Amino acid sequence: MMSGRSVSFPRQQHTLAETVETRGIGFLTGANVTVRFHPAPPHHGIQFQRLDVP
C-alpha cells in the first residue's frame, strides 16, 4: 500500500567528455542540418541555442 509520501533521490549529473556533432537531413524541412552537443559546467542545466535565426 502506498502512503502518499514521495521519496526523492538526488539526481546524478552526467556531462559529455567532449563536443559531439552529427549531421543529417531535417525531418520536416529536408534541409541539411548539423547538431552539436557541448559539455556543460556542473549545475549548468540543459540549454538549446538555434543558430539559424537571429
Protein backbone atom coordinates (compact mmCIF):
# COMPACT_ATOMS: atom_id res chain seq x y z
CA MET A 1 0.00 0.00 0.00
CA MET A 2 1.28 3.49 -0.90
CA SER A 3 1.44 6.03 1.90
CA GLY A 4 1.13 9.06 -0.38
CA ARG A 5 4.60 10.25 0.59
CA SER A 6 7.12 10.84 -2.13
CA VAL A 7 10.74 9.91 -1.78
CA SER A 8 13.27 11.98 -3.65
CA PHE A 9 16.74 10.88 -4.56
CA PRO A 10 19.50 13.23 -5.68
CA ARG A 11 19.85 13.10 -9.44
CA GLN A 12 23.27 12.04 -10.57
CA GLN A 13 24.65 14.53 -13.07
CA HIS A 14 26.32 13.50 -16.31
CA THR A 15 28.15 15.57 -18.86
CA LEU A 16 29.92 14.92 -22.13
CA ALA A 17 33.68 14.50 -22.18
CA GLU A 18 33.96 16.44 -25.45
CA THR A 19 31.86 18.10 -28.14
CA VAL A 20 29.83 15.69 -30.26
CA GLU A 21 28.48 16.56 -33.72
CA THR A 22 26.11 14.79 -36.06
CA ARG A 23 24.74 15.77 -39.47
CA GLY A 24 21.67 14.70 -41.34
CA ILE A 25 18.56 15.81 -43.17
CA GLY A 26 15.87 17.79 -41.34
CA PHE A 27 12.72 15.74 -40.80
CA LEU A 28 10.24 18.48 -41.70
CA THR A 29 12.32 20.70 -43.99
CA GLY A 30 14.54 18.25 -45.84
CA ALA A 31 17.40 20.73 -45.33
CA ASN A 32 20.91 19.66 -44.35
CA VAL A 33 21.29 20.11 -40.59
CA THR A 34 24.12 19.87 -38.07
CA VAL A 35 23.58 19.31 -34.35
CA ARG A 36 26.38 19.86 -31.83
CA PHE A 37 26.35 18.90 -28.16
CA HIS A 38 28.90 20.69 -25.96
CA PRO A 39 29.95 19.76 -22.41
CA ALA A 40 28.50 21.99 -19.69
CA PRO A 41 29.89 23.01 -16.32
CA PRO A 42 28.37 21.41 -13.19
CA HIS A 43 24.86 22.62 -12.26
CA HIS A 44 24.56 24.44 -15.60
CA GLY A 45 21.47 22.63 -16.83
CA ILE A 46 20.46 21.99 -20.42
CA GLN A 47 20.27 24.84 -22.93
CA PHE A 48 19.37 24.90 -26.60
CA GLN A 49 20.60 27.56 -29.00
CA ARG A 50 19.43 27.90 -32.58
CA LEU A 51 21.97 29.50 -34.87
CA ASP A 52 19.72 29.72 -37.93
CA VAL A 53 17.52 32.52 -36.54
CA PRO A 54 18.59 35.97 -35.29
